[in-house]
């Protein structure tokens, strides 16, 4: 994620002097530094594609292992709200924008989708047709919500997390649930080796560090990009 944002914010800011009327033209006659910046940004985009599939996978895993699923969803939503102004400052140089919302909103929609699926599984445990019908309805509802909120990756986030959750008893094959993310980037496959190393155990470190790191790193990048732009 950080590598992706180095490309999105810092390298992009370094390209600003090469823009003419807001447009960036890259060809064989372009200055060498610009070509290197473009290559660097492309590399950041490729490596950055690893992050979101892992987020979706771990949301499904976190949902399965948390002791309080409602609290898990509320926690994600609160940090989504906390991260929105830093997100906008980094992306749009303003504190408010309706273009796209930060990825924690997408993950919160994913958790809500999993809550609806789990309720359907409990309520219609003995009625297979009804259970699957309500599961499909739950996934559709989560996708619509993510689309309306316009979080990053929009409806694909809840869909991928739901598929991973539904494949939870299939061992490593549950990684196949992330396949819809290939629509956004074929480099999603780079996340697979990391996910295959997952042993089902929670890693070391404070979870609060990672929640707080998300909005904090946007503020740092927004400041650095502003310095680069002068």
C-alpha atoms as a PDB file:
ATOM      1  CA  UNK A   1       0.000   0.000   0.000  1.00  0.00           C
ATOM      2  CA  UNK A   2       2.757   2.424   0.898  1.00  0.00           C
ATOM      3  CA  UNK A   3       4.617   1.599  -2.325  1.00  0.00           C
ATOM      4  CA  UNK A   4       1.422   2.227  -4.293  1.00  0.00           C
ATOM      5  CA  UNK A   5       0.974   5.603  -2.627  1.00  0.00           C
ATOM      6  CA  UNK A   6       4.581   6.606  -3.226  1.00  0.00           C
ATOM      7  CA  UNK A   7       3.720   6.362  -6.903  1.00  0.00           C
ATOM      8  CA  UNK A   8       0.300   7.963  -6.576  1.00  0.00           C
ATOM      9  CA  UNK A   9       1.353  10.968  -4.519  1.00  0.00           C
ATOM     10  CA  UNK A  10       5.102  11.581  -4.516  1.00  0.00           C
ATOM     11  CA  UNK A  11       6.086  10.531  -8.028  1.00  0.00           C
ATOM     12  CA  UNK A  12       2.957  12.155  -9.418  1.00  0.00           C
ATOM     13  CA  UNK A  13       3.868  15.410  -7.683  1.00  0.00           C
ATOM     14  CA  UNK A  14       7.359  15.185  -9.176  1.00  0.00           C
ATOM     15  CA  UNK A  15       5.779  14.942 -12.647  1.00  0.00           C
ATOM     16  CA  UNK A  16       3.835  18.195 -12.270  1.00  0.00           C
ATOM     17  CA  UNK A  17       6.572  20.409 -13.793  1.00  0.00           C
ATOM     18  CA  UNK A  18       6.293  18.355 -16.991  1.00  0.00           C
ATOM     19  CA  UNK A  19       2.550  18.952 -17.408  1.00  0.00           C
ATOM     20  CA  UNK A  20       1.285  21.355 -20.043  1.00  0.00           C
ATOM     21  CA  UNK A  21      -2.232  22.674 -19.445  1.00  0.00           C
ATOM     22  CA  UNK A  22      -2.704  19.863 -16.947  1.00  0.00           C
ATOM     23  CA  UNK A  23      -1.792  17.202 -19.495  1.00  0.00           C
ATOM     24  CA  UNK A  24       1.204  14.894 -19.310  1.00  0.00           C
ATOM     25  CA  UNK A  25       2.586  13.736 -22.660  1.00  0.00           C
ATOM     26  CA  UNK A  26       5.171  10.970 -22.666  1.00  0.00           C
ATOM     27  CA  UNK A  27       6.965   9.942 -25.850  1.00  0.00           C
ATOM     28  CA  UNK A  28      10.473   9.320 -27.165  1.00  0.00           C
ATOM     29  CA  UNK A  29      11.201  13.042 -27.055  1.00  0.00           C
ATOM     30  CA  UNK A  30      10.229  13.368 -23.392  1.00  0.00           C
ATOM     31  CA  UNK A  31      13.005  14.294 -20.928  1.00  0.00           C
ATOM     32  CA  UNK A  32      14.804  11.329 -19.410  1.00  0.00           C
ATOM     33  CA  UNK A  33      13.753  12.172 -15.802  1.00  0.00           C
ATOM     34  CA  UNK A  34      10.094  12.087 -16.820  1.00  0.00           C
ATOM     35  CA  UNK A  35      10.472   8.686 -18.445  1.00  0.00           C
ATOM     36  CA  UNK A  36      12.112   7.349 -15.279  1.00  0.00           C
ATOM     37  CA  UNK A  37       9.324   8.810 -13.153  1.00  0.00           C
ATOM     38  CA  UNK A  38       6.734   7.112 -15.355  1.00  0.00           C
ATOM     39  CA  UNK A  39       8.542   3.790 -15.076  1.00  0.00           C
ATOM     40  CA  UNK A  40       8.781   4.231 -11.321  1.00  0.00           C
ATOM     41  CA  UNK A  41       5.090   4.954 -11.024  1.00  0.00           C
ATOM     42  CA  UNK A  42       4.216   1.920 -13.124  1.00  0.00           C
ATOM     43  CA  UNK A  43       6.365  -0.261 -10.847  1.00  0.00           C
ATOM     44  CA  UNK A  44       4.598   1.211  -7.796  1.00  0.00           C
ATOM     45  CA  UNK A  45       1.206   0.469  -9.347  1.00  0.00           C
ATOM     46  CA  UNK A  46       2.185  -3.146 -10.007  1.00  0.00           C
ATOM     47  CA  UNK A  47       3.527  -3.765  -6.508  1.00  0.00           C
ATOM     48  CA  UNK A  48       0.669  -1.815  -4.950  1.00  0.00           C
ATOM     49  CA  UNK A  49      -1.835  -4.231  -6.497  1.00  0.00           C
ATOM     50  CA  UNK A  50      -0.760  -6.752  -3.847  1.00  0.00           C
ATOM     51  CA  UNK A  51      -2.396  -4.819  -0.998  1.00  0.00           C
ATOM     52  CA  UNK A  52      -6.145  -4.864  -1.599  1.00  0.00           C
ATOM     53  CA  UNK A  53      -6.509  -8.632  -2.201  1.00  0.00           C
ATOM     54  CA  UNK A  54      -4.761  -9.204   1.129  1.00  0.00           C
ATOM     55  CA  UNK A  55      -7.109  -6.695   2.798  1.00  0.00           C
ATOM     56  CA  UNK A  56     -10.176  -8.542   1.454  1.00  0.00           C
ATOM     57  CA  UNK A  57      -8.801 -11.923   2.481  1.00  0.00           C
ATOM     58  CA  UNK A  58      -7.977 -10.751   6.001  1.00  0.00           C
ATOM     59  CA  UNK A  59     -11.359  -9.060   6.426  1.00  0.00           C
ATOM     60  CA  UNK A  60     -12.977 -12.441   5.803  1.00  0.00           C
ATOM     61  CA  UNK A  61     -10.510 -14.131   8.172  1.00  0.00           C
ATOM     62  CA  UNK A  62     -10.964 -11.423  10.793  1.00  0.00           C
ATOM     63  CA  UNK A  63     -14.734 -11.835  10.580  1.00  0.00           C
ATOM     64  CA  UNK A  64     -14.402 -15.565  11.184  1.00  0.00           C
ATOM     65  CA  UNK A  65     -12.119 -15.153  14.195  1.00  0.00           C
ATOM     66  CA  UNK A  66     -13.362 -12.007  15.930  1.00  0.00           C
ATOM     67  CA  UNK A  67     -15.342 -12.414  19.145  1.00  0.00           C
ATOM     68  CA  UNK A  68     -17.661  -9.501  18.321  1.00  0.00           C
ATOM     69  CA  UNK A  69     -18.599  -9.178  14.670  1.00  0.00           C
ATOM     70  CA  UNK A  70     -20.716  -6.057  15.132  1.00  0.00           C
ATOM     71  CA  UNK A  71     -17.885  -4.334  16.950  1.00  0.00           C
ATOM     72  CA  UNK A  72     -15.526  -5.350  14.137  1.00  0.00           C
ATOM     73  CA  UNK A  73     -17.765  -3.607  11.606  1.00  0.00           C
ATOM     74  CA  UNK A  74     -18.243  -0.493  13.750  1.00  0.00           C
ATOM     75  CA  UNK A  75     -14.517  -0.277  14.324  1.00  0.00           C
ATOM     76  CA  UNK A  76     -13.836  -0.355  10.583  1.00  0.00           C
ATOM     77  CA  UNK A  77     -16.502   2.285   9.953  1.00  0.00           C
ATOM     78  CA  UNK A  78     -15.157   4.635  12.633  1.00  0.00           C
ATOM     79  CA  UNK A  79     -11.664   4.450  11.193  1.00  0.00           C
ATOM     80  CA  UNK A  80     -13.080   4.966   7.702  1.00  0.00           C
ATOM     81  CA  UNK A  81     -14.605   8.234   8.921  1.00  0.00           C
ATOM     82  CA  UNK A  82     -11.377   9.181  10.703  1.00  0.00           C
ATOM     83  CA  UNK A  83      -9.358   8.532   7.548  1.00  0.00           C
ATOM     84  CA  UNK A  84     -11.546  10.442   5.099  1.00  0.00           C
ATOM     85  CA  UNK A  85     -10.074  13.942   5.515  1.00  0.00           C
ATOM     86  CA  UNK A  86      -6.444  12.676   5.366  1.00  0.00           C
ATOM     87  CA  UNK A  87      -7.429  10.584   2.321  1.00  0.00           C
ATOM     88  CA  UNK A  88      -8.899  13.610   0.548  1.00  0.00           C
ATOM     89  CA  UNK A  89      -5.911  15.796   1.403  1.00  0.00           C
ATOM     90  CA  UNK A  90      -3.541  13.269  -0.136  1.00  0.00           C
ATOM     91  CA  UNK A  91      -5.636  12.507  -3.228  1.00  0.00           C
ATOM     92  CA  UNK A  92      -7.356  15.783  -4.020  1.00  0.00           C
ATOM     93  CA  UNK A  93      -5.537  18.458  -1.970  1.00  0.00           C
ATOM     94  CA  UNK A  94      -8.795  19.300  -0.198  1.00  0.00           C
ATOM     95  CA  UNK A  95     -10.479  18.109   2.961  1.00  0.00           C
ATOM     96  CA  UNK A  96     -13.739  17.205   1.234  1.00  0.00           C
ATOM     97  CA  UNK A  97     -14.446  15.367  -2.002  1.00  0.00           C
ATOM     98  CA  UNK A  98     -17.184  13.045  -3.261  1.00  0.00           C
ATOM     99  CA  UNK A  99     -15.120  11.468  -6.032  1.00  0.00           C
ATOM    100  CA  UNK A 100     -13.963   8.361  -4.170  1.00  0.00           C
ATOM    101  CA  UNK A 101     -13.911   7.442  -0.493  1.00  0.00           C
ATOM    102  CA  UNK A 102     -11.128   5.621   1.321  1.00  0.00           C
ATOM    103  CA  UNK A 103     -10.808   1.855   1.222  1.00  0.00           C
ATOM    104  CA  UNK A 104     -11.946   1.391   4.820  1.00  0.00           C
ATOM    105  CA  UNK A 105     -15.474   2.291   3.705  1.00  0.00           C
ATOM    106  CA  UNK A 106     -15.246  -0.547   1.174  1.00  0.00           C
ATOM    107  CA  UNK A 107     -14.022  -2.935   3.866  1.00  0.00           C
ATOM    108  CA  UNK A 108     -16.805  -1.816   6.220  1.00  0.00           C
ATOM    109  CA  UNK A 109     -19.317  -2.653   3.472  1.00  0.00           C
ATOM    110  CA  UNK A 110     -17.591  -6.025   3.124  1.00  0.00           C
ATOM    111  CA  UNK A 111     -18.007  -6.736   6.839  1.00  0.00           C
ATOM    112  CA  UNK A 112     -21.690  -5.778   6.682  1.00  0.00           C
ATOM    113  CA  UNK A 113     -22.080  -8.141   3.725  1.00  0.00           C
ATOM    114  CA  UNK A 114     -20.525 -10.968   5.747  1.00  0.00           C
ATOM    115  CA  UNK A 115     -22.865 -10.182   8.654  1.00  0.00           C
ATOM    116  CA  UNK A 116     -25.872 -10.508   6.361  1.00  0.00           C
ATOM    117  CA  UNK A 117     -24.543 -13.771   4.910  1.00  0.00           C
ATOM    118  CA  UNK A 118     -23.924 -15.243   8.365  1.00  0.00           C
ATOM    119  CA  UNK A 119     -27.456 -14.299   9.446  1.00  0.00           C
ATOM    120  CA  UNK A 120     -28.873 -15.983   6.351  1.00  0.00           C
ATOM    121  CA  UNK A 121     -26.825 -19.112   7.084  1.00  0.00           C
ATOM    122  CA  UNK A 122     -28.142 -19.217  10.653  1.00  0.00           C
ATOM    123  CA  UNK A 123     -31.752 -18.402   9.825  1.00  0.00           C
ATOM    124  CA  UNK A 124     -32.139 -20.842   6.937  1.00  0.00           C
ATOM    125  CA  UNK A 125     -29.583 -23.482   7.932  1.00  0.00           C
ATOM    126  CA  UNK A 126     -31.927 -26.339   6.980  1.00  0.00           C
ATOM    127  CA  UNK A 127     -33.377 -24.745   3.839  1.00  0.00           C
ATOM    128  CA  UNK A 128     -30.659 -24.825   1.222  1.00  0.00           C
ATOM    129  CA  UNK A 129     -32.494 -23.026  -1.574  1.00  0.00           C
ATOM    130  CA  UNK A 130     -33.663 -20.216   0.710  1.00  0.00           C
ATOM    131  CA  UNK A 131     -30.238 -19.963   2.325  1.00  0.00           C
ATOM    132  CA  UNK A 132     -28.471 -19.526  -0.985  1.00  0.00           C
ATOM    133  CA  UNK A 133     -31.113 -17.153  -2.289  1.00  0.00           C
ATOM    134  CA  UNK A 134     -30.715 -14.885   0.741  1.00  0.00           C
ATOM    135  CA  UNK A 135     -26.928 -15.202   0.527  1.00  0.00           C
ATOM    136  CA  UNK A 136     -26.998 -13.936  -3.057  1.00  0.00           C
ATOM    137  CA  UNK A 137     -29.318 -11.114  -1.950  1.00  0.00           C
ATOM    138  CA  UNK A 138     -26.922 -10.224   0.885  1.00  0.00           C
ATOM    139  CA  UNK A 139     -23.941 -10.062  -1.473  1.00  0.00           C
ATOM    140  CA  UNK A 140     -25.921  -7.940  -3.934  1.00  0.00           C
ATOM    141  CA  UNK A 141     -26.965  -5.563  -1.134  1.00  0.00           C
ATOM    142  CA  UNK A 142     -23.354  -5.159   0.022  1.00  0.00           C
ATOM    143  CA  UNK A 143     -22.178  -4.496  -3.523  1.00  0.00           C
ATOM    144  CA  UNK A 144     -24.874  -1.866  -4.070  1.00  0.00           C
ATOM    145  CA  UNK A 145     -23.988  -0.172  -0.789  1.00  0.00           C
ATOM    146  CA  UNK A 146     -20.281  -0.041  -1.701  1.00  0.00           C
ATOM    147  CA  UNK A 147     -21.181   1.344  -5.131  1.00  0.00           C
ATOM    148  CA  UNK A 148     -23.322   4.101  -3.626  1.00  0.00           C
ATOM    149  CA  UNK A 149     -20.693   5.013  -1.022  1.00  0.00           C
ATOM    150  CA  UNK A 150     -18.026   4.948  -3.763  1.00  0.00           C
ATOM    151  CA  UNK A 151     -15.261   3.480  -1.665  1.00  0.00           C
ATOM    152  CA  UNK A 152     -12.116   2.375  -3.496  1.00  0.00           C
ATOM    153  CA  UNK A 153     -12.687  -0.768  -5.589  1.00  0.00           C
ATOM    154  CA  UNK A 154     -16.433  -0.073  -5.070  1.00  0.00           C
ATOM    155  CA  UNK A 155     -18.554  -3.259  -5.324  1.00  0.00           C
ATOM    156  CA  UNK A 156     -15.623  -5.600  -5.981  1.00  0.00           C
ATOM    157  CA  UNK A 157     -14.473  -5.401  -2.353  1.00  0.00           C
ATOM    158  CA  UNK A 158     -17.633  -6.863  -0.769  1.00  0.00           C
ATOM    159  CA  UNK A 159     -17.880  -9.418  -3.580  1.00  0.00           C
ATOM    160  CA  UNK A 160     -14.300 -10.680  -3.113  1.00  0.00           C
ATOM    161  CA  UNK A 161     -14.565 -10.805   0.695  1.00  0.00           C
ATOM    162  CA  UNK A 162     -17.895 -12.643   0.439  1.00  0.00           C
ATOM    163  CA  UNK A 163     -16.482 -15.254  -1.937  1.00  0.00           C
ATOM    164  CA  UNK A 164     -13.474 -15.852   0.322  1.00  0.00           C
ATOM    165  CA  UNK A 165     -15.867 -16.258   3.263  1.00  0.00           C
ATOM    166  CA  UNK A 166     -18.137 -18.651   1.366  1.00  0.00           C
ATOM    167  CA  UNK A 167     -15.075 -20.748   0.435  1.00  0.00           C
ATOM    168  CA  UNK A 168     -13.836 -20.751   4.040  1.00  0.00           C
ATOM    169  CA  UNK A 169     -13.929 -24.561   4.282  1.00  0.00           C
ATOM    170  CA  UNK A 170     -11.985 -25.097   1.059  1.00  0.00           C
ATOM    171  CA  UNK A 171      -8.512 -24.559   2.483  1.00  0.00           C
ATOM    172  CA  UNK A 172      -6.181 -22.637   0.232  1.00  0.00           C
ATOM    173  CA  UNK A 173      -8.732 -22.737  -2.575  1.00  0.00           C
ATOM    174  CA  UNK A 174     -10.571 -19.900  -0.827  1.00  0.00           C
ATOM    175  CA  UNK A 175      -7.988 -17.587  -2.377  1.00  0.00           C
ATOM    176  CA  UNK A 176      -9.900 -18.148  -5.634  1.00  0.00           C
ATOM    177  CA  UNK A 177     -12.590 -15.899  -4.161  1.00  0.00           C
ATOM    178  CA  UNK A 178     -10.334 -12.938  -4.951  1.00  0.00           C
ATOM    179  CA  UNK A 179     -10.628 -13.572  -8.701  1.00  0.00           C
ATOM    180  CA  UNK A 180     -13.075 -10.654  -9.301  1.00  0.00           C
ATOM    181  CA  UNK A 181     -10.259  -8.250  -8.381  1.00  0.00           C
ATOM    182  CA  UNK A 182      -8.477  -9.269 -11.583  1.00  0.00           C
ATOM    183  CA  UNK A 183     -10.936  -6.939 -13.306  1.00  0.00           C
ATOM    184  CA  UNK A 184      -9.107  -4.006 -11.716  1.00  0.00           C
ATOM    185  CA  UNK A 185      -5.574  -5.305 -12.156  1.00  0.00           C
ATOM    186  CA  UNK A 186      -4.078  -8.567 -13.442  1.00  0.00           C
ATOM    187  CA  UNK A 187      -1.255  -7.926 -10.968  1.00  0.00           C
ATOM    188  CA  UNK A 188      -3.645  -9.030  -8.222  1.00  0.00           C
ATOM    189  CA  UNK A 189      -2.088 -12.478  -8.720  1.00  0.00           C
ATOM    190  CA  UNK A 190       1.084 -11.200  -7.030  1.00  0.00           C
ATOM    191  CA  UNK A 191      -0.768 -11.412  -3.724  1.00  0.00           C
ATOM    192  CA  UNK A 192      -1.239 -15.172  -4.066  1.00  0.00           C
ATOM    193  CA  UNK A 193       2.256 -16.240  -2.845  1.00  0.00           C
ATOM    194  CA  UNK A 194       1.831 -14.132   0.288  1.00  0.00           C
ATOM    195  CA  UNK A 195      -1.617 -15.577   0.995  1.00  0.00           C
ATOM    196  CA  UNK A 196      -0.351 -19.125   0.493  1.00  0.00           C
ATOM    197  CA  UNK A 197       2.091 -18.477   3.348  1.00  0.00           C
ATOM    198  CA  UNK A 198      -0.789 -17.708   5.721  1.00  0.00           C
ATOM    199  CA  UNK A 199      -0.969 -20.344   8.454  1.00  0.00           C
ATOM    200  CA  UNK A 200      -4.282 -19.333   9.998  1.00  0.00           C
ATOM    201  CA  UNK A 201      -2.620 -17.685  12.999  1.00  0.00           C
ATOM    202  CA  UNK A 202      -2.694 -14.025  13.926  1.00  0.00           C
ATOM    203  CA  UNK A 203       0.675 -12.337  13.549  1.00  0.00           C
ATOM    204  CA  UNK A 204       2.525 -10.319  16.160  1.00  0.00           C
ATOM    205  CA  UNK A 205       2.019  -6.615  16.671  1.00  0.00           C
ATOM    206  CA  UNK A 206      -0.751  -4.260  17.749  1.00  0.00           C
ATOM    207  CA  UNK A 207      -3.793  -4.102  15.489  1.00  0.00           C
ATOM    208  CA  UNK A 208      -4.281  -0.479  16.542  1.00  0.00           C
ATOM    209  CA  UNK A 209      -0.974   0.444  14.937  1.00  0.00           C
ATOM    210  CA  UNK A 210      -2.258  -0.649  11.553  1.00  0.00           C
ATOM    211  CA  UNK A 211      -5.615   1.101  11.969  1.00  0.00           C
ATOM    212  CA  UNK A 212      -3.892   4.351  12.947  1.00  0.00           C
ATOM    213  CA  UNK A 213      -1.162   4.003  10.339  1.00  0.00           C
ATOM    214  CA  UNK A 214      -3.723   4.246   7.531  1.00  0.00           C
ATOM    215  CA  UNK A 215      -4.886   7.856   8.130  1.00  0.00           C
ATOM    216  CA  UNK A 216      -1.458   8.916   9.429  1.00  0.00           C
ATOM    217  CA  UNK A 217       0.389   7.878   6.274  1.00  0.00           C
ATOM    218  CA  UNK A 218      -2.027   9.936   4.144  1.00  0.00           C
ATOM    219  CA  UNK A 219      -1.175  13.029   6.171  1.00  0.00           C
ATOM    220  CA  UNK A 220       2.544  12.378   5.724  1.00  0.00           C
ATOM    221  CA  UNK A 221       2.200  11.871   1.971  1.00  0.00           C
ATOM    222  CA  UNK A 222      -0.021  14.933   1.598  1.00  0.00           C
ATOM    223  CA  UNK A 223       2.628  17.042   3.347  1.00  0.00           C
ATOM    224  CA  UNK A 224       5.511  15.588   1.317  1.00  0.00           C
ATOM    225  CA  UNK A 225       3.627  16.081  -1.972  1.00  0.00           C
ATOM    226  CA  UNK A 226       2.917  19.679  -1.026  1.00  0.00           C
ATOM    227  CA  UNK A 227       6.617  20.264  -0.347  1.00  0.00           C
ATOM    228  CA  UNK A 228       7.542  18.707  -3.718  1.00  0.00           C
ATOM    229  CA  UNK A 229       5.035  20.932  -5.515  1.00  0.00           C
ATOM    230  CA  UNK A 230       6.439  23.946  -3.706  1.00  0.00           C
END
